[in-house]
Amino acid sequence: MILIPEDDSPRDNRSASCEDGVEIPFERINPDTLRNLITEFVTREWEELGDTDHTLDDKISQVIRQLQERKAKVVFDLKSGTCNIVLVA
């Protein structure tokens, strides 16, 4: 299993302030919307890592599994007005 990449850059300080974001239960997100969110996430994050060993579908499945296992969560960032997927601390 590949864990969701962690990035120490300031733009990715995603879990630092809970009051800036609201957790969205992934089960309540339309399946097509969730897949689009995860697709955008994995293409952005794994591209930075240069991971070519896994297909897009493999990466999406890994993120879905991490959401189901509560190892990751979907968070709506109130400041930027965007959704992201973050590791559960």
PDB file of N, CA and C in Angstrom:
ATOM      1  N   MET A   1       0.844  -1.179   0.000  1.00  0.00           N
ATOM      2  CA  MET A   1       0.000   0.000   0.000  1.00  0.00           C
ATOM      3  C   MET A   1       0.884   1.235   0.000  1.00  0.00           C
ATOM      4  N   ILE A   2       0.492   2.206  -0.754  1.00  0.00           N
ATOM      5  CA  ILE A   2       1.192   3.490  -0.790  1.00  0.00           C
ATOM      6  C   ILE A   2       0.358   4.474   0.011  1.00  0.00           C
ATOM      7  N   LEU A   3       0.991   5.140   0.946  1.00  0.00           N
ATOM      8  CA  LEU A   3       0.285   6.151   1.717  1.00  0.00           C
ATOM      9  C   LEU A   3       0.182   7.427   0.917  1.00  0.00           C
ATOM     10  N   ILE A   4      -0.815   8.203   1.221  1.00  0.00           N
ATOM     11  CA  ILE A   4      -0.963   9.504   0.577  1.00  0.00           C
ATOM     12  C   ILE A   4       0.294  10.310   0.861  1.00  0.00           C
ATOM     13  N   PRO A   5       0.899  10.873  -0.168  1.00  0.00           N
ATOM     14  CA  PRO A   5       2.152  11.601   0.014  1.00  0.00           C
ATOM     15  C   PRO A   5       2.005  12.767   0.981  1.00  0.00           C
ATOM     16  N   GLU A   6       3.029  12.923   1.801  1.00  0.00           N
ATOM     17  CA  GLU A   6       3.076  14.071   2.695  1.00  0.00           C
ATOM     18  C   GLU A   6       4.065  15.064   2.105  1.00  0.00           C
ATOM     19  N   ASP A   7       3.757  16.332   2.223  1.00  0.00           N
ATOM     20  CA  ASP A   7       4.609  17.367   1.665  1.00  0.00           C
ATOM     21  C   ASP A   7       4.768  18.429   2.734  1.00  0.00           C
ATOM     22  N   ASP A   8       5.989  18.826   3.035  1.00  0.00           N
ATOM     23  CA  ASP A   8       6.242  19.801   4.087  1.00  0.00           C
ATOM     24  C   ASP A   8       6.203  21.235   3.602  1.00  0.00           C
ATOM     25  N   SER A   9       5.877  21.455   2.330  1.00  0.00           N
ATOM     26  CA  SER A   9       5.853  22.813   1.818  1.00  0.00           C
ATOM     27  C   SER A   9       4.693  23.590   2.432  1.00  0.00           C
ATOM     28  N   PRO A  10       4.800  24.915   2.556  1.00  0.00           N
ATOM     29  CA  PRO A  10       3.740  25.714   3.170  1.00  0.00           C
ATOM     30  C   PRO A  10       2.386  25.549   2.491  1.00  0.00           C
ATOM     31  N   ARG A  11       2.349  25.383   1.167  1.00  0.00           N
ATOM     32  CA  ARG A  11       1.068  25.252   0.489  1.00  0.00           C
ATOM     33  C   ARG A  11       0.357  23.978   0.910  1.00  0.00           C
ATOM     34  N   ASP A  12       1.101  22.982   1.386  1.00  0.00           N
ATOM     35  CA  ASP A  12       0.513  21.706   1.733  1.00  0.00           C
ATOM     36  C   ASP A  12       0.389  21.499   3.238  1.00  0.00           C
ATOM     37  N   ASN A  13       0.404  22.555   3.994  1.00  0.00           N
ATOM     38  CA  ASN A  13       0.233  22.431   5.441  1.00  0.00           C
ATOM     39  C   ASN A  13      -1.241  22.213   5.719  1.00  0.00           C
ATOM     40  N   ARG A  14      -1.763  21.073   5.246  1.00  0.00           N
ATOM     41  CA  ARG A  14      -3.190  20.822   5.184  1.00  0.00           C
ATOM     42  C   ARG A  14      -3.832  20.498   6.516  1.00  0.00           C
ATOM     43  N   SER A  15      -3.129  19.828   7.403  1.00  0.00           N
ATOM     44  CA  SER A  15      -3.775  19.380   8.622  1.00  0.00           C
ATOM     45  C   SER A  15      -3.413  20.252   9.821  1.00  0.00           C
ATOM     46  N   ALA A  16      -2.731  21.355   9.599  1.00  0.00           N
ATOM     47  CA  ALA A  16      -2.230  22.163  10.696  1.00  0.00           C
ATOM     48  C   ALA A  16      -3.331  22.884  11.465  1.00  0.00           C
ATOM     49  N   SER A  17      -4.394  23.278  10.818  1.00  0.00           N
ATOM     50  CA  SER A  17      -5.397  24.083  11.496  1.00  0.00           C
ATOM     51  C   SER A  17      -6.794  23.564  11.190  1.00  0.00           C
ATOM     52  N   CYS A  18      -7.368  22.832  12.135  1.00  0.00           N
ATOM     53  CA  CYS A  18      -8.690  22.259  11.927  1.00  0.00           C
ATOM     54  C   CYS A  18      -9.759  23.333  11.794  1.00  0.00           C
ATOM     55  N   GLU A  19      -9.562  24.503  12.447  1.00  0.00           N
ATOM     56  CA  GLU A  19     -10.600  25.521  12.351  1.00  0.00           C
ATOM     57  C   GLU A  19     -10.665  26.165  10.974  1.00  0.00           C
ATOM     58  N   ASP A  20      -9.674  25.951  10.139  1.00  0.00           N
ATOM     59  CA  ASP A  20      -9.675  26.488   8.790  1.00  0.00           C
ATOM     60  C   ASP A  20     -10.375  25.560   7.806  1.00  0.00           C
ATOM     61  N   GLY A  21     -10.678  24.354   8.230  1.00  0.00           N
ATOM     62  CA  GLY A  21     -11.285  23.399   7.322  1.00  0.00           C
ATOM     63  C   GLY A  21     -12.370  22.583   7.995  1.00  0.00           C
ATOM     64  N   VAL A  22     -13.212  22.008   7.162  1.00  0.00           N
ATOM     65  CA  VAL A  22     -14.318  21.195   7.637  1.00  0.00           C
ATOM     66  C   VAL A  22     -14.198  19.822   6.989  1.00  0.00           C
ATOM     67  N   GLU A  23     -14.230  18.773   7.814  1.00  0.00           N
ATOM     68  CA  GLU A  23     -14.180  17.426   7.266  1.00  0.00           C
ATOM     69  C   GLU A  23     -15.510  17.101   6.593  1.00  0.00           C
ATOM     70  N   ILE A  24     -15.425  16.547   5.399  1.00  0.00           N
ATOM     71  CA  ILE A  24     -16.602  16.134   4.646  1.00  0.00           C
ATOM     72  C   ILE A  24     -16.593  14.609   4.596  1.00  0.00           C
ATOM     73  N   PRO A  25     -17.579  13.936   5.178  1.00  0.00           N
ATOM     74  CA  PRO A  25     -17.606  12.472   5.101  1.00  0.00           C
ATOM     75  C   PRO A  25     -17.642  12.033   3.636  1.00  0.00           C
ATOM     76  N   PHE A  26     -16.658  11.241   3.241  1.00  0.00           N
ATOM     77  CA  PHE A  26     -16.561  10.862   1.828  1.00  0.00           C
ATOM     78  C   PHE A  26     -17.788  10.084   1.366  1.00  0.00           C
ATOM     79  N   GLU A  27     -18.467   9.401   2.280  1.00  0.00           N
ATOM     80  CA  GLU A  27     -19.658   8.637   1.925  1.00  0.00           C
ATOM     81  C   GLU A  27     -20.811   9.542   1.479  1.00  0.00           C
ATOM     82  N   ARG A  28     -20.759  10.802   1.857  1.00  0.00           N
ATOM     83  CA  ARG A  28     -21.825  11.741   1.517  1.00  0.00           C
ATOM     84  C   ARG A  28     -21.560  12.499   0.222  1.00  0.00           C
ATOM     85  N   ILE A  29     -20.398  12.247  -0.378  1.00  0.00           N
ATOM     86  CA  ILE A  29     -20.038  12.911  -1.628  1.00  0.00           C
ATOM     87  C   ILE A  29     -20.514  12.038  -2.787  1.00  0.00           C
ATOM     88  N   ASN A  30     -21.131  12.658  -3.774  1.00  0.00           N
ATOM     89  CA  ASN A  30     -21.562  11.943  -4.966  1.00  0.00           C
ATOM     90  C   ASN A  30     -20.382  11.126  -5.495  1.00  0.00           C
ATOM     91  N   PRO A  31     -20.586   9.826  -5.815  1.00  0.00           N
ATOM     92  CA  PRO A  31     -19.474   8.974  -6.260  1.00  0.00           C
ATOM     93  C   PRO A  31     -18.685   9.538  -7.447  1.00  0.00           C
ATOM     94  N   ASP A  32     -19.361  10.159  -8.409  1.00  0.00           N
ATOM     95  CA  ASP A  32     -18.642  10.748  -9.543  1.00  0.00           C
ATOM     96  C   ASP A  32     -17.796  11.935  -9.092  1.00  0.00           C
ATOM     97  N   THR A  33     -18.341  12.744  -8.208  1.00  0.00           N
ATOM     98  CA  THR A  33     -17.604  13.893  -7.678  1.00  0.00           C
ATOM     99  C   THR A  33     -16.405  13.430  -6.867  1.00  0.00           C
ATOM    100  N   LEU A  34     -16.602  12.394  -6.044  1.00  0.00           N
ATOM    101  CA  LEU A  34     -15.499  11.857  -5.243  1.00  0.00           C
ATOM    102  C   LEU A  34     -14.392  11.322  -6.144  1.00  0.00           C
ATOM    103  N   ARG A  35     -14.762  10.591  -7.175  1.00  0.00           N
ATOM    104  CA  ARG A  35     -13.755  10.054  -8.095  1.00  0.00           C
ATOM    105  C   ARG A  35     -12.995  11.189  -8.784  1.00  0.00           C
ATOM    106  N   ASN A  36     -13.695  12.243  -9.182  1.00  0.00           N
ATOM    107  CA  ASN A  36     -13.027  13.396  -9.799  1.00  0.00           C
ATOM    108  C   ASN A  36     -12.075  14.065  -8.814  1.00  0.00           C
ATOM    109  N   LEU A  37     -12.504  14.206  -7.564  1.00  0.00           N
ATOM    110  CA  LEU A  37     -11.652  14.802  -6.529  1.00  0.00           C
ATOM    111  C   LEU A  37     -10.400  13.954  -6.318  1.00  0.00           C
ATOM    112  N   ILE A  38     -10.587  12.644  -6.205  1.00  0.00           N
ATOM    113  CA  ILE A  38      -9.449  11.749  -5.989  1.00  0.00           C
ATOM    114  C   ILE A  38      -8.535  11.743  -7.214  1.00  0.00           C
ATOM    115  N   THR A  39      -9.111  11.744  -8.407  1.00  0.00           N
ATOM    116  CA  THR A  39      -8.310  11.768  -9.633  1.00  0.00           C
ATOM    117  C   THR A  39      -7.440  13.015  -9.682  1.00  0.00           C
ATOM    118  N   GLU A  40      -8.030  14.155  -9.392  1.00  0.00           N
ATOM    119  CA  GLU A  40      -7.257  15.409  -9.374  1.00  0.00           C
ATOM    120  C   GLU A  40      -6.161  15.328  -8.324  1.00  0.00           C
ATOM    121  N   PHE A  41      -6.488  14.793  -7.160  1.00  0.00           N
ATOM    122  CA  PHE A  41      -5.520  14.679  -6.073  1.00  0.00           C
ATOM    123  C   PHE A  41      -4.341  13.794  -6.461  1.00  0.00           C
ATOM    124  N   VAL A  42      -4.620  12.590  -6.960  1.00  0.00           N
ATOM    125  CA  VAL A  42      -3.514  11.675  -7.256  1.00  0.00           C
ATOM    126  C   VAL A  42      -2.686  12.144  -8.440  1.00  0.00           C
ATOM    127  N   THR A  43      -3.305  12.765  -9.433  1.00  0.00           N
ATOM    128  CA  THR A  43      -2.504  13.244 -10.557  1.00  0.00           C
ATOM    129  C   THR A  43      -1.600  14.392 -10.127  1.00  0.00           C
ATOM    130  N   ARG A  44      -2.068  15.207  -9.201  1.00  0.00           N
ATOM    131  CA  ARG A  44      -1.250  16.325  -8.686  1.00  0.00           C
ATOM    132  C   ARG A  44      -0.165  15.812  -7.749  1.00  0.00           C
ATOM    133  N   GLU A  45      -0.512  14.996  -6.769  1.00  0.00           N
ATOM    134  CA  GLU A  45       0.437  14.571  -5.745  1.00  0.00           C
ATOM    135  C   GLU A  45       1.451  13.556  -6.259  1.00  0.00           C
ATOM    136  N   TRP A  46       1.006  12.532  -6.966  1.00  0.00           N
ATOM    137  CA  TRP A  46       1.932  11.504  -7.413  1.00  0.00           C
ATOM    138  C   TRP A  46       2.801  11.990  -8.554  1.00  0.00           C
ATOM    139  N   GLU A  47       2.328  12.965  -9.316  1.00  0.00           N
ATOM    140  CA  GLU A  47       3.166  13.516 -10.382  1.00  0.00           C
ATOM    141  C   GLU A  47       4.405  14.159  -9.785  1.00  0.00           C
ATOM    142  N   GLU A  48       4.235  14.834  -8.649  1.00  0.00           N
ATOM    143  CA  GLU A  48       5.367  15.460  -7.976  1.00  0.00           C
ATOM    144  C   GLU A  48       6.374  14.432  -7.490  1.00  0.00           C
ATOM    145  N   LEU A  49       5.896  13.225  -7.157  1.00  0.00           N
ATOM    146  CA  LEU A  49       6.784  12.170  -6.681  1.00  0.00           C
ATOM    147  C   LEU A  49       7.425  11.387  -7.818  1.00  0.00           C
ATOM    148  N   GLY A  50       6.891  11.544  -9.012  1.00  0.00           N
ATOM    149  CA  GLY A  50       7.413  10.809 -10.153  1.00  0.00           C
ATOM    150  C   GLY A  50       7.071   9.331 -10.115  1.00  0.00           C
ATOM    151  N   ASP A  51       5.974   8.968  -9.474  1.00  0.00           N
ATOM    152  CA  ASP A  51       5.552   7.563  -9.358  1.00  0.00           C
ATOM    153  C   ASP A  51       4.946   7.095 -10.667  1.00  0.00           C
ATOM    154  N   THR A  52       5.648   6.207 -11.347  1.00  0.00           N
ATOM    155  CA  THR A  52       5.130   5.647 -12.594  1.00  0.00           C
ATOM    156  C   THR A  52       4.865   4.147 -12.466  1.00  0.00           C
ATOM    157  N   ASP A  53       5.033   3.607 -11.262  1.00  0.00           N
ATOM    158  CA  ASP A  53       4.857   2.172 -11.043  1.00  0.00           C
ATOM    159  C   ASP A  53       3.396   1.762 -10.908  1.00  0.00           C
ATOM    160  N   HIS A  54       2.509   2.718 -10.692  1.00  0.00           N
ATOM    161  CA  HIS A  54       1.097   2.412 -10.473  1.00  0.00           C
ATOM    162  C   HIS A  54       0.232   3.149 -11.490  1.00  0.00           C
ATOM    163  N   THR A  55      -0.837   2.485 -11.923  1.00  0.00           N
ATOM    164  CA  THR A  55      -1.766   3.128 -12.844  1.00  0.00           C
ATOM    165  C   THR A  55      -2.626   4.127 -12.094  1.00  0.00           C
ATOM    166  N   LEU A  56      -3.314   4.971 -12.831  1.00  0.00           N
ATOM    167  CA  LEU A  56      -4.232   5.930 -12.223  1.00  0.00           C
ATOM    168  C   LEU A  56      -5.299   5.201 -11.413  1.00  0.00           C
ATOM    169  N   ASP A  57      -5.846   4.123 -11.968  1.00  0.00           N
ATOM    170  CA  ASP A  57      -6.862   3.357 -11.238  1.00  0.00           C
ATOM    171  C   ASP A  57      -6.305   2.748  -9.955  1.00  0.00           C
ATOM    172  N   ASP A  58      -5.040   2.288  -9.978  1.00  0.00           N
ATOM    173  CA  ASP A  58      -4.397   1.770  -8.764  1.00  0.00           C
ATOM    174  C   ASP A  58      -4.330   2.853  -7.696  1.00  0.00           C
ATOM    175  N   LYS A  59      -3.915   4.038  -8.099  1.00  0.00           N
ATOM    176  CA  LYS A  59      -3.771   5.146  -7.155  1.00  0.00           C
ATOM    177  C   LYS A  59      -5.126   5.558  -6.583  1.00  0.00           C
ATOM    178  N   ILE A  60      -6.145   5.621  -7.430  1.00  0.00           N
ATOM    179  CA  ILE A  60      -7.486   5.976  -6.975  1.00  0.00           C
ATOM    180  C   ILE A  60      -7.983   4.936  -5.983  1.00  0.00           C
ATOM    181  N   SER A  61      -7.776   3.671  -6.289  1.00  0.00           N
ATOM    182  CA  SER A  61      -8.197   2.592  -5.383  1.00  0.00           C
ATOM    183  C   SER A  61      -7.489   2.686  -4.040  1.00  0.00           C
ATOM    184  N   GLN A  62      -6.216   3.036  -4.059  1.00  0.00           N
ATOM    185  CA  GLN A  62      -5.464   3.166  -2.810  1.00  0.00           C
ATOM    186  C   GLN A  62      -6.028   4.291  -1.953  1.00  0.00           C
ATOM    187  N   VAL A  63      -6.362   5.408  -2.570  1.00  0.00           N
ATOM    188  CA  VAL A  63      -6.916   6.533  -1.803  1.00  0.00           C
ATOM    189  C   VAL A  63      -8.297   6.170  -1.264  1.00  0.00           C
ATOM    190  N   ILE A  64      -9.125   5.528  -2.070  1.00  0.00           N
ATOM    191  CA  ILE A  64     -10.448   5.110  -1.598  1.00  0.00           C
ATOM    192  C   ILE A  64     -10.296   4.176  -0.400  1.00  0.00           C
ATOM    193  N   ARG A  65      -9.364   3.235  -0.480  1.00  0.00           N
ATOM    194  CA  ARG A  65      -9.133   2.312   0.631  1.00  0.00           C
ATOM    195  C   ARG A  65      -8.697   3.078   1.886  1.00  0.00           C
ATOM    196  N   GLN A  66      -7.841   4.070   1.720  1.00  0.00           N
ATOM    197  CA  GLN A  66      -7.390   4.855   2.871  1.00  0.00           C
ATOM    198  C   GLN A  66      -8.545   5.663   3.472  1.00  0.00           C
ATOM    199  N   LEU A  67      -9.444   6.166   2.629  1.00  0.00           N
ATOM    200  CA  LEU A  67     -10.629   6.856   3.139  1.00  0.00           C
ATOM    201  C   LEU A  67     -11.514   5.881   3.912  1.00  0.00           C
ATOM    202  N   GLN A  68     -11.734   4.694   3.371  1.00  0.00           N
ATOM    203  CA  GLN A  68     -12.566   3.692   4.020  1.00  0.00           C
ATOM    204  C   GLN A  68     -11.971   3.232   5.350  1.00  0.00           C
ATOM    205  N   GLU A  69     -10.655   3.153   5.416  1.00  0.00           N
ATOM    206  CA  GLU A  69      -9.962   2.722   6.639  1.00  0.00           C
ATOM    207  C   GLU A  69      -9.724   3.875   7.609  1.00  0.00           C
ATOM    208  N   ARG A  70     -10.234   5.046   7.249  1.00  0.00           N
ATOM    209  CA  ARG A  70     -10.093   6.254   8.081  1.00  0.00           C
ATOM    210  C   ARG A  70      -8.639   6.672   8.295  1.00  0.00           C
ATOM    211  N   LYS A  71      -7.786   6.344   7.322  1.00  0.00           N
ATOM    212  CA  LYS A  71      -6.395   6.778   7.355  1.00  0.00           C
ATOM    213  C   LYS A  71      -6.238   8.121   6.661  1.00  0.00           C
ATOM    214  N   ALA A  72      -7.263   8.521   5.918  1.00  0.00           N
ATOM    215  CA  ALA A  72      -7.296   9.796   5.212  1.00  0.00           C
ATOM    216  C   ALA A  72      -8.712  10.334   5.283  1.00  0.00           C
ATOM    217  N   LYS A  73      -8.850  11.635   5.023  1.00  0.00           N
ATOM    218  CA  LYS A  73     -10.181  12.251   5.037  1.00  0.00           C
ATOM    219  C   LYS A  73     -10.239  13.360   4.008  1.00  0.00           C
ATOM    220  N   VAL A  74     -11.468  13.706   3.624  1.00  0.00           N
ATOM    221  CA  VAL A  74     -11.708  14.817   2.705  1.00  0.00           C
ATOM    222  C   VAL A  74     -11.990  16.048   3.567  1.00  0.00           C
ATOM    223  N   VAL A  75     -11.300  17.135   3.258  1.00  0.00           N
ATOM    224  CA  VAL A  75     -11.447  18.374   4.028  1.00  0.00           C
ATOM    225  C   VAL A  75     -11.729  19.526   3.079  1.00  0.00           C
ATOM    226  N   PHE A  76     -12.739  20.327   3.415  1.00  0.00           N
ATOM    227  CA  PHE A  76     -13.023  21.554   2.674  1.00  0.00           C
ATOM    228  C   PHE A  76     -12.307  22.679   3.382  1.00  0.00           C
ATOM    229  N   ASP A  77     -11.405  23.349   2.676  1.00  0.00           N
ATOM    230  CA  ASP A  77     -10.623  24.456   3.235  1.00  0.00           C
ATOM    231  C   ASP A  77     -11.441  25.737   3.126  1.00  0.00           C
ATOM    232  N   LEU A  78     -11.780  26.306   4.268  1.00  0.00           N
ATOM    233  CA  LEU A  78     -12.621  27.504   4.296  1.00  0.00           C
ATOM    234  C   LEU A  78     -11.919  28.722   3.703  1.00  0.00           C
ATOM    235  N   LYS A  79     -10.609  28.809   3.869  1.00  0.00           N
ATOM    236  CA  LYS A  79      -9.869  29.969   3.362  1.00  0.00           C
ATOM    237  C   LYS A  79      -9.774  29.964   1.838  1.00  0.00           C
ATOM    238  N   SER A  80      -9.454  28.806   1.270  1.00  0.00           N
ATOM    239  CA  SER A  80      -9.258  28.756  -0.185  1.00  0.00           C
ATOM    240  C   SER A  80     -10.518  28.361  -0.934  1.00  0.00           C
ATOM    241  N   GLY A  81     -11.493  27.793  -0.210  1.00  0.00           N
ATOM    242  CA  GLY A  81     -12.725  27.343  -0.868  1.00  0.00           C
ATOM    243  C   GLY A  81     -12.512  26.092  -1.700  1.00  0.00           C
ATOM    244  N   THR A  82     -11.542  25.280  -1.327  1.00  0.00           N
ATOM    245  CA  THR A  82     -11.226  24.073  -2.079  1.00  0.00           C
ATOM    246  C   THR A  82     -11.304  22.839  -1.184  1.00  0.00           C
ATOM    247  N   CYS A  83     -11.464  21.675  -1.814  1.00  0.00           N
ATOM    248  CA  CYS A  83     -11.432  20.402  -1.110  1.00  0.00           C
ATOM    249  C   CYS A  83     -10.074  19.764  -1.322  1.00  0.00           C
ATOM    250  N   ASN A  84      -9.649  18.992  -0.323  1.00  0.00           N
ATOM    251  CA  ASN A  84      -8.416  18.238  -0.464  1.00  0.00           C
ATOM    252  C   ASN A  84      -8.547  16.973   0.352  1.00  0.00           C
ATOM    253  N   ILE A  85      -7.602  16.075   0.152  1.00  0.00           N
ATOM    254  CA  ILE A  85      -7.527  14.827   0.899  1.00  0.00           C
ATOM    255  C   ILE A  85      -6.281  14.899   1.768  1.00  0.00           C
ATOM    256  N   VAL A  86      -6.441  14.620   3.043  1.00  0.00           N
ATOM    257  CA  VAL A  86      -5.336  14.738   3.977  1.00  0.00           C
ATOM    258  C   VAL A  86      -5.220  13.451   4.791  1.00  0.00           C
ATOM    259  N   LEU A  87      -4.006  13.199   5.275  1.00  0.00           N
ATOM    260  CA  LEU A  87      -3.785  12.088   6.185  1.00  0.00           C
ATOM    261  C   LEU A  87      -4.420  12.392   7.528  1.00  0.00           C
ATOM    262  N   VAL A  88      -4.911  11.362   8.166  1.00  0.00           N
ATOM    263  CA  VAL A  88      -5.454  11.519   9.518  1.00  0.00           C
ATOM    264  C   VAL A  88      -4.277  11.444  10.480  1.00  0.00           C
ATOM    265  N   ALA A  89      -4.176  12.444  11.325  1.00  0.00           N
ATOM    266  CA  ALA A  89      -3.054  12.511  12.270  1.00  0.00           C
ATOM    267  C   ALA A  89      -3.195  11.518  13.386  1.00  0.00           C
TER     268      ALA A  89
END
